[in-house]
Amino acid sequence: MQDRTTTLARAPHLDDNVAQVAPTVLERFPAGAPRGSWPAEEFAAARRTEGQPVTVVMDLDTDTFLVVATGVTV
């Protein structure tokens, strides 16, 4: 597993003077899971149950699903 603090690009239209969302990669899952298996979505669902806001995104360069948590920084 690689660095869990990968920073995703932020939208260029956001003002630098307001709080920004700092996404953090919690876990990475290969896209080649067996048919009918959704390990990234299952991991994300468990985090949501714990109250953590997360989303699943695909990194096309590495063919991996990333479970991303968002936090606010100033």
PDB file of N, CA and C in Angstrom:
ATOM      1  N   MET A   1       0.846  -1.168   0.000  1.00  0.00           N
ATOM      2  CA  MET A   1       0.000   0.000   0.000  1.00  0.00           C
ATOM      3  C   MET A   1       0.895   1.236   0.000  1.00  0.00           C
ATOM      4  N   GLN A   2       0.429   2.284  -0.642  1.00  0.00           N
ATOM      5  CA  GLN A   2       1.219   3.493  -0.745  1.00  0.00           C
ATOM      6  C   GLN A   2       0.764   4.521   0.282  1.00  0.00           C
ATOM      7  N   ASP A   3       1.310   5.716   0.171  1.00  0.00           N
ATOM      8  CA  ASP A   3       1.025   6.824   1.079  1.00  0.00           C
ATOM      9  C   ASP A   3      -0.479   7.038   1.228  1.00  0.00           C
ATOM     10  N   ARG A   4      -0.952   7.060   2.471  1.00  0.00           N
ATOM     11  CA  ARG A   4      -2.383   7.237   2.743  1.00  0.00           C
ATOM     12  C   ARG A   4      -2.797   8.703   2.743  1.00  0.00           C
ATOM     13  N   THR A   5      -1.886   9.620   2.518  1.00  0.00           N
ATOM     14  CA  THR A   5      -2.229  11.035   2.566  1.00  0.00           C
ATOM     15  C   THR A   5      -2.118  11.685   1.196  1.00  0.00           C
ATOM     16  N   THR A   6      -2.413  10.935   0.151  1.00  0.00           N
ATOM     17  CA  THR A   6      -2.397  11.479  -1.200  1.00  0.00           C
ATOM     18  C   THR A   6      -3.357  12.659  -1.276  1.00  0.00           C
ATOM     19  N   THR A   7      -2.900  13.769  -1.808  1.00  0.00           N
ATOM     20  CA  THR A   7      -3.734  14.953  -1.941  1.00  0.00           C
ATOM     21  C   THR A   7      -4.273  15.024  -3.357  1.00  0.00           C
ATOM     22  N   LEU A   8      -5.561  15.195  -3.484  1.00  0.00           N
ATOM     23  CA  LEU A   8      -6.194  15.326  -4.785  1.00  0.00           C
ATOM     24  C   LEU A   8      -6.202  16.797  -5.180  1.00  0.00           C
ATOM     25  N   ALA A   9      -6.217  17.056  -6.475  1.00  0.00           N
ATOM     26  CA  ALA A   9      -6.216  18.433  -6.968  1.00  0.00           C
ATOM     27  C   ALA A   9      -7.488  19.143  -6.524  1.00  0.00           C
ATOM     28  N   ARG A  10      -7.345  20.413  -6.145  1.00  0.00           N
ATOM     29  CA  ARG A  10      -8.531  21.171  -5.746  1.00  0.00           C
ATOM     30  C   ARG A  10      -9.026  21.988  -6.919  1.00  0.00           C
ATOM     31  N   ALA A  11     -10.281  22.305  -6.896  1.00  0.00           N
ATOM     32  CA  ALA A  11     -10.901  23.053  -7.992  1.00  0.00           C
ATOM     33  C   ALA A  11     -10.287  24.444  -8.092  1.00  0.00           C
ATOM     34  N   PRO A  12      -9.905  24.875  -9.301  1.00  0.00           N
ATOM     35  CA  PRO A  12      -9.242  26.166  -9.472  1.00  0.00           C
ATOM     36  C   PRO A  12     -10.129  27.373  -9.183  1.00  0.00           C
ATOM     37  N   HIS A  13     -11.442  27.215  -9.163  1.00  0.00           N
ATOM     38  CA  HIS A  13     -12.342  28.345  -8.958  1.00  0.00           C
ATOM     39  C   HIS A  13     -12.561  28.685  -7.494  1.00  0.00           C
ATOM     40  N   LEU A  14     -12.036  27.874  -6.566  1.00  0.00           N
ATOM     41  CA  LEU A  14     -12.264  28.131  -5.146  1.00  0.00           C
ATOM     42  C   LEU A  14     -11.396  29.275  -4.650  1.00  0.00           C
ATOM     43  N   ASP A  15     -11.953  30.089  -3.778  1.00  0.00           N
ATOM     44  CA  ASP A  15     -11.249  31.229  -3.206  1.00  0.00           C
ATOM     45  C   ASP A  15     -10.250  30.742  -2.166  1.00  0.00           C
ATOM     46  N   ASP A  16      -9.016  31.281  -2.191  1.00  0.00           N
ATOM     47  CA  ASP A  16      -7.979  30.869  -1.247  1.00  0.00           C
ATOM     48  C   ASP A  16      -8.258  31.342   0.177  1.00  0.00           C
ATOM     49  N   ASN A  17      -9.195  32.259   0.376  1.00  0.00           N
ATOM     50  CA  ASN A  17      -9.462  32.811   1.701  1.00  0.00           C
ATOM     51  C   ASN A  17     -10.534  32.047   2.473  1.00  0.00           C
ATOM     52  N   VAL A  18     -11.118  31.026   1.870  1.00  0.00           N
ATOM     53  CA  VAL A  18     -12.142  30.254   2.557  1.00  0.00           C
ATOM     54  C   VAL A  18     -11.596  28.876   2.904  1.00  0.00           C
ATOM     55  N   ALA A  19     -12.263  28.214   3.838  1.00  0.00           N
ATOM     56  CA  ALA A  19     -11.840  26.876   4.232  1.00  0.00           C
ATOM     57  C   ALA A  19     -11.925  25.939   3.038  1.00  0.00           C
ATOM     58  N   GLN A  20     -10.911  25.119   2.858  1.00  0.00           N
ATOM     59  CA  GLN A  20     -10.854  24.198   1.732  1.00  0.00           C
ATOM     60  C   GLN A  20     -11.009  22.763   2.231  1.00  0.00           C
ATOM     61  N   VAL A  21     -11.511  21.905   1.371  1.00  0.00           N
ATOM     62  CA  VAL A  21     -11.631  20.498   1.677  1.00  0.00           C
ATOM     63  C   VAL A  21     -10.294  19.835   1.380  1.00  0.00           C
ATOM     64  N   ALA A  22      -9.785  19.084   2.342  1.00  0.00           N
ATOM     65  CA  ALA A  22      -8.509  18.392   2.167  1.00  0.00           C
ATOM     66  C   ALA A  22      -8.770  16.892   2.090  1.00  0.00           C
ATOM     67  N   PRO A  23      -8.922  16.338   0.882  1.00  0.00           N
ATOM     68  CA  PRO A  23      -9.214  14.910   0.768  1.00  0.00           C
ATOM     69  C   PRO A  23      -8.020  14.058   1.188  1.00  0.00           C
ATOM     70  N   THR A  24      -8.299  12.945   1.823  1.00  0.00           N
ATOM     71  CA  THR A  24      -7.274  12.006   2.244  1.00  0.00           C
ATOM     72  C   THR A  24      -7.671  10.611   1.790  1.00  0.00           C
ATOM     73  N   VAL A  25      -6.752   9.907   1.164  1.00  0.00           N
ATOM     74  CA  VAL A  25      -7.018   8.544   0.725  1.00  0.00           C
ATOM     75  C   VAL A  25      -6.888   7.613   1.932  1.00  0.00           C
ATOM     76  N   LEU A  26      -7.980   6.952   2.285  1.00  0.00           N
ATOM     77  CA  LEU A  26      -7.968   6.019   3.412  1.00  0.00           C
ATOM     78  C   LEU A  26      -7.495   4.634   3.000  1.00  0.00           C
ATOM     79  N   GLU A  27      -7.898   4.210   1.806  1.00  0.00           N
ATOM     80  CA  GLU A  27      -7.577   2.848   1.357  1.00  0.00           C
ATOM     81  C   GLU A  27      -7.639   2.793  -0.156  1.00  0.00           C
ATOM     82  N   ARG A  28      -6.876   1.861  -0.726  1.00  0.00           N
ATOM     83  CA  ARG A  28      -6.856   1.633  -2.174  1.00  0.00           C
ATOM     84  C   ARG A  28      -7.235   0.185  -2.453  1.00  0.00           C
ATOM     85  N   PHE A  29      -8.027  -0.017  -3.494  1.00  0.00           N
ATOM     86  CA  PHE A  29      -8.456  -1.353  -3.874  1.00  0.00           C
ATOM     87  C   PHE A  29      -8.234  -1.551  -5.362  1.00  0.00           C
ATOM     88  N   PRO A  30      -7.633  -2.668  -5.772  1.00  0.00           N
ATOM     89  CA  PRO A  30      -7.454  -2.913  -7.209  1.00  0.00           C
ATOM     90  C   PRO A  30      -8.808  -3.049  -7.899  1.00  0.00           C
ATOM     91  N   ALA A  31      -8.861  -2.600  -9.139  1.00  0.00           N
ATOM     92  CA  ALA A  31     -10.125  -2.636  -9.880  1.00  0.00           C
ATOM     93  C   ALA A  31     -10.495  -4.048 -10.322  1.00  0.00           C
ATOM     94  N   GLY A  32      -9.602  -5.001 -10.223  1.00  0.00           N
ATOM     95  CA  GLY A  32      -9.857  -6.345 -10.713  1.00  0.00           C
ATOM     96  C   GLY A  32     -10.496  -7.276  -9.710  1.00  0.00           C
ATOM     97  N   ALA A  33     -11.379  -6.788  -8.853  1.00  0.00           N
ATOM     98  CA  ALA A  33     -12.057  -7.649  -7.880  1.00  0.00           C
ATOM     99  C   ALA A  33     -12.965  -8.634  -8.616  1.00  0.00           C
ATOM    100  N   PRO A  34     -13.232  -9.786  -8.006  1.00  0.00           N
ATOM    101  CA  PRO A  34     -14.118 -10.763  -8.655  1.00  0.00           C
ATOM    102  C   PRO A  34     -15.493 -10.168  -8.949  1.00  0.00           C
ATOM    103  N   ARG A  35     -16.128 -10.690  -9.976  1.00  0.00           N
ATOM    104  CA  ARG A  35     -17.450 -10.204 -10.379  1.00  0.00           C
ATOM    105  C   ARG A  35     -18.424 -10.255  -9.192  1.00  0.00           C
ATOM    106  N   GLY A  36     -19.144  -9.159  -8.989  1.00  0.00           N
ATOM    107  CA  GLY A  36     -20.107  -9.082  -7.897  1.00  0.00           C
ATOM    108  C   GLY A  36     -19.490  -8.659  -6.581  1.00  0.00           C
ATOM    109  N   SER A  37     -18.179  -8.477  -6.542  1.00  0.00           N
ATOM    110  CA  SER A  37     -17.487  -8.051  -5.327  1.00  0.00           C
ATOM    111  C   SER A  37     -17.159  -6.570  -5.431  1.00  0.00           C
ATOM    112  N   TRP A  38     -17.479  -5.817  -4.397  1.00  0.00           N
ATOM    113  CA  TRP A  38     -17.259  -4.374  -4.387  1.00  0.00           C
ATOM    114  C   TRP A  38     -16.512  -3.987  -3.111  1.00  0.00           C
ATOM    115  N   PRO A  39     -15.249  -4.388  -2.946  1.00  0.00           N
ATOM    116  CA  PRO A  39     -14.550  -4.142  -1.685  1.00  0.00           C
ATOM    117  C   PRO A  39     -14.402  -2.663  -1.333  1.00  0.00           C
ATOM    118  N   ALA A  40     -14.186  -1.805  -2.303  1.00  0.00           N
ATOM    119  CA  ALA A  40     -14.052  -0.370  -2.003  1.00  0.00           C
ATOM    120  C   ALA A  40     -15.370   0.185  -1.482  1.00  0.00           C
ATOM    121  N   GLU A  41     -16.480  -0.197  -2.115  1.00  0.00           N
ATOM    122  CA  GLU A  41     -17.793   0.277  -1.675  1.00  0.00           C
ATOM    123  C   GLU A  41     -18.147  -0.274  -0.294  1.00  0.00           C
ATOM    124  N   GLU A  42     -17.774  -1.517  -0.029  1.00  0.00           N
ATOM    125  CA  GLU A  42     -18.038  -2.109   1.283  1.00  0.00           C
ATOM    126  C   GLU A  42     -17.241  -1.405   2.370  1.00  0.00           C
ATOM    127  N   PHE A  43     -15.971  -1.099   2.091  1.00  0.00           N
ATOM    128  CA  PHE A  43     -15.122  -0.375   3.034  1.00  0.00           C
ATOM    129  C   PHE A  43     -15.702   1.022   3.286  1.00  0.00           C
ATOM    130  N   ALA A  44     -16.120   1.693   2.209  1.00  0.00           N
ATOM    131  CA  ALA A  44     -16.703   3.026   2.335  1.00  0.00           C
ATOM    132  C   ALA A  44     -17.995   2.988   3.149  1.00  0.00           C
ATOM    133  N   ALA A  45     -18.818   1.988   2.926  1.00  0.00           N
ATOM    134  CA  ALA A  45     -20.081   1.863   3.671  1.00  0.00           C
ATOM    135  C   ALA A  45     -19.812   1.701   5.160  1.00  0.00           C
ATOM    136  N   ALA A  46     -18.790   0.932   5.503  1.00  0.00           N
ATOM    137  CA  ALA A  46     -18.431   0.746   6.917  1.00  0.00           C
ATOM    138  C   ALA A  46     -17.967   2.067   7.533  1.00  0.00           C
ATOM    139  N   ARG A  47     -17.213   2.867   6.779  1.00  0.00           N
ATOM    140  CA  ARG A  47     -16.759   4.170   7.289  1.00  0.00           C
ATOM    141  C   ARG A  47     -17.943   5.116   7.455  1.00  0.00           C
ATOM    142  N   ARG A  48     -18.887   5.077   6.520  1.00  0.00           N
ATOM    143  CA  ARG A  48     -20.071   5.937   6.627  1.00  0.00           C
ATOM    144  C   ARG A  48     -20.899   5.558   7.848  1.00  0.00           C
ATOM    145  N   THR A  49     -20.975   4.270   8.139  1.00  0.00           N
ATOM    146  CA  THR A  49     -21.700   3.801   9.325  1.00  0.00           C
ATOM    147  C   THR A  49     -21.077   4.372  10.592  1.00  0.00           C
ATOM    148  N   GLU A  50     -19.760   4.564  10.563  1.00  0.00           N
ATOM    149  CA  GLU A  50     -19.039   5.158  11.695  1.00  0.00           C
ATOM    150  C   GLU A  50     -19.172   6.676  11.733  1.00  0.00           C
ATOM    151  N   GLY A  51     -19.854   7.256  10.737  1.00  0.00           N
ATOM    152  CA  GLY A  51     -20.065   8.691  10.713  1.00  0.00           C
ATOM    153  C   GLY A  51     -19.016   9.475   9.939  1.00  0.00           C
ATOM    154  N   GLN A  52     -18.143   8.796   9.243  1.00  0.00           N
ATOM    155  CA  GLN A  52     -17.094   9.481   8.484  1.00  0.00           C
ATOM    156  C   GLN A  52     -17.561   9.725   7.051  1.00  0.00           C
ATOM    157  N   PRO A  53     -17.504  10.979   6.578  1.00  0.00           N
ATOM    158  CA  PRO A  53     -17.902  11.247   5.198  1.00  0.00           C
ATOM    159  C   PRO A  53     -16.823  10.766   4.230  1.00  0.00           C
ATOM    160  N   VAL A  54     -17.168   9.808   3.391  1.00  0.00           N
ATOM    161  CA  VAL A  54     -16.216   9.252   2.427  1.00  0.00           C
ATOM    162  C   VAL A  54     -16.880   9.094   1.073  1.00  0.00           C
ATOM    163  N   THR A  55     -16.059   8.968   0.055  1.00  0.00           N
ATOM    164  CA  THR A  55     -16.534   8.690  -1.290  1.00  0.00           C
ATOM    165  C   THR A  55     -15.538   7.748  -1.952  1.00  0.00           C
ATOM    166  N   VAL A  56     -15.982   7.072  -2.991  1.00  0.00           N
ATOM    167  CA  VAL A  56     -15.111   6.182  -3.746  1.00  0.00           C
ATOM    168  C   VAL A  56     -14.868   6.808  -5.110  1.00  0.00           C
ATOM    169  N   VAL A  57     -13.607   6.926  -5.487  1.00  0.00           N
ATOM    170  CA  VAL A  57     -13.239   7.456  -6.799  1.00  0.00           C
ATOM    171  C   VAL A  57     -12.304   6.470  -7.479  1.00  0.00           C
ATOM    172  N   MET A  58     -12.215   6.573  -8.794  1.00  0.00           N
ATOM    173  CA  MET A  58     -11.341   5.681  -9.554  1.00  0.00           C
ATOM    174  C   MET A  58     -10.111   6.447 -10.009  1.00  0.00           C
ATOM    175  N   ASP A  59      -8.941   5.873  -9.747  1.00  0.00           N
ATOM    176  CA  ASP A  59      -7.683   6.408 -10.266  1.00  0.00           C
ATOM    177  C   ASP A  59      -7.393   5.641 -11.548  1.00  0.00           C
ATOM    178  N   LEU A  60      -7.648   6.265 -12.687  1.00  0.00           N
ATOM    179  CA  LEU A  60      -7.502   5.587 -13.967  1.00  0.00           C
ATOM    180  C   LEU A  60      -6.049   5.254 -14.280  1.00  0.00           C
ATOM    181  N   ASP A  61      -5.113   6.072 -13.805  1.00  0.00           N
ATOM    182  CA  ASP A  61      -3.696   5.820 -14.075  1.00  0.00           C
ATOM    183  C   ASP A  61      -3.204   4.523 -13.441  1.00  0.00           C
ATOM    184  N   THR A  62      -3.707   4.205 -12.243  1.00  0.00           N
ATOM    185  CA  THR A  62      -3.255   3.005 -11.539  1.00  0.00           C
ATOM    186  C   THR A  62      -4.292   1.886 -11.547  1.00  0.00           C
ATOM    187  N   ASP A  63      -5.465   2.131 -12.158  1.00  0.00           N
ATOM    188  CA  ASP A  63      -6.552   1.155 -12.202  1.00  0.00           C
ATOM    189  C   ASP A  63      -6.929   0.697 -10.793  1.00  0.00           C
ATOM    190  N   THR A  64      -7.113   1.689  -9.910  1.00  0.00           N
ATOM    191  CA  THR A  64      -7.460   1.418  -8.522  1.00  0.00           C
ATOM    192  C   THR A  64      -8.636   2.277  -8.094  1.00  0.00           C
ATOM    193  N   PHE A  65      -9.418   1.729  -7.169  1.00  0.00           N
ATOM    194  CA  PHE A  65     -10.473   2.500  -6.530  1.00  0.00           C
ATOM    195  C   PHE A  65      -9.901   3.081  -5.236  1.00  0.00           C
ATOM    196  N   LEU A  66     -10.137   4.364  -4.997  1.00  0.00           N
ATOM    197  CA  LEU A  66      -9.660   5.028  -3.792  1.00  0.00           C
ATOM    198  C   LEU A  66     -10.853   5.379  -2.916  1.00  0.00           C
ATOM    199  N   VAL A  67     -10.753   5.057  -1.636  1.00  0.00           N
ATOM    200  CA  VAL A  67     -11.762   5.492  -0.677  1.00  0.00           C
ATOM    201  C   VAL A  67     -11.205   6.768  -0.055  1.00  0.00           C
ATOM    202  N   VAL A  68     -11.911   7.873  -0.298  1.00  0.00           N
ATOM    203  CA  VAL A  68     -11.412   9.186   0.076  1.00  0.00           C
ATOM    204  C   VAL A  68     -12.281   9.792   1.179  1.00  0.00           C
ATOM    205  N   ALA A  69     -11.620  10.227   2.261  1.00  0.00           N
ATOM    206  CA  ALA A  69     -12.290  10.947   3.340  1.00  0.00           C
ATOM    207  C   ALA A  69     -11.997  12.421   3.166  1.00  0.00           C
ATOM    208  N   THR A  70     -12.974  13.248   3.486  1.00  0.00           N
ATOM    209  CA  THR A  70     -12.761  14.687   3.367  1.00  0.00           C
ATOM    210  C   THR A  70     -12.792  15.327   4.732  1.00  0.00           C
ATOM    211  N   GLY A  71     -11.916  16.292   4.915  1.00  0.00           N
ATOM    212  CA  GLY A  71     -11.870  17.091   6.142  1.00  0.00           C
ATOM    213  C   GLY A  71     -11.743  18.535   5.744  1.00  0.00           C
ATOM    214  N   VAL A  72     -11.912  19.438   6.673  1.00  0.00           N
ATOM    215  CA  VAL A  72     -11.822  20.861   6.357  1.00  0.00           C
ATOM    216  C   VAL A  72     -10.562  21.437   6.972  1.00  0.00           C
ATOM    217  N   THR A  73      -9.841  22.226   6.173  1.00  0.00           N
ATOM    218  CA  THR A  73      -8.668  22.939   6.664  1.00  0.00           C
ATOM    219  C   THR A  73      -8.860  24.432   6.430  1.00  0.00           C
ATOM    220  N   VAL A  74      -8.124  25.234   7.148  1.00  0.00           N
ATOM    221  CA  VAL A  74      -8.183  26.686   6.946  1.00  0.00           C
ATOM    222  C   VAL A  74      -6.850  27.226   6.568  1.00  0.00           C
TER     223      VAL A  74
END
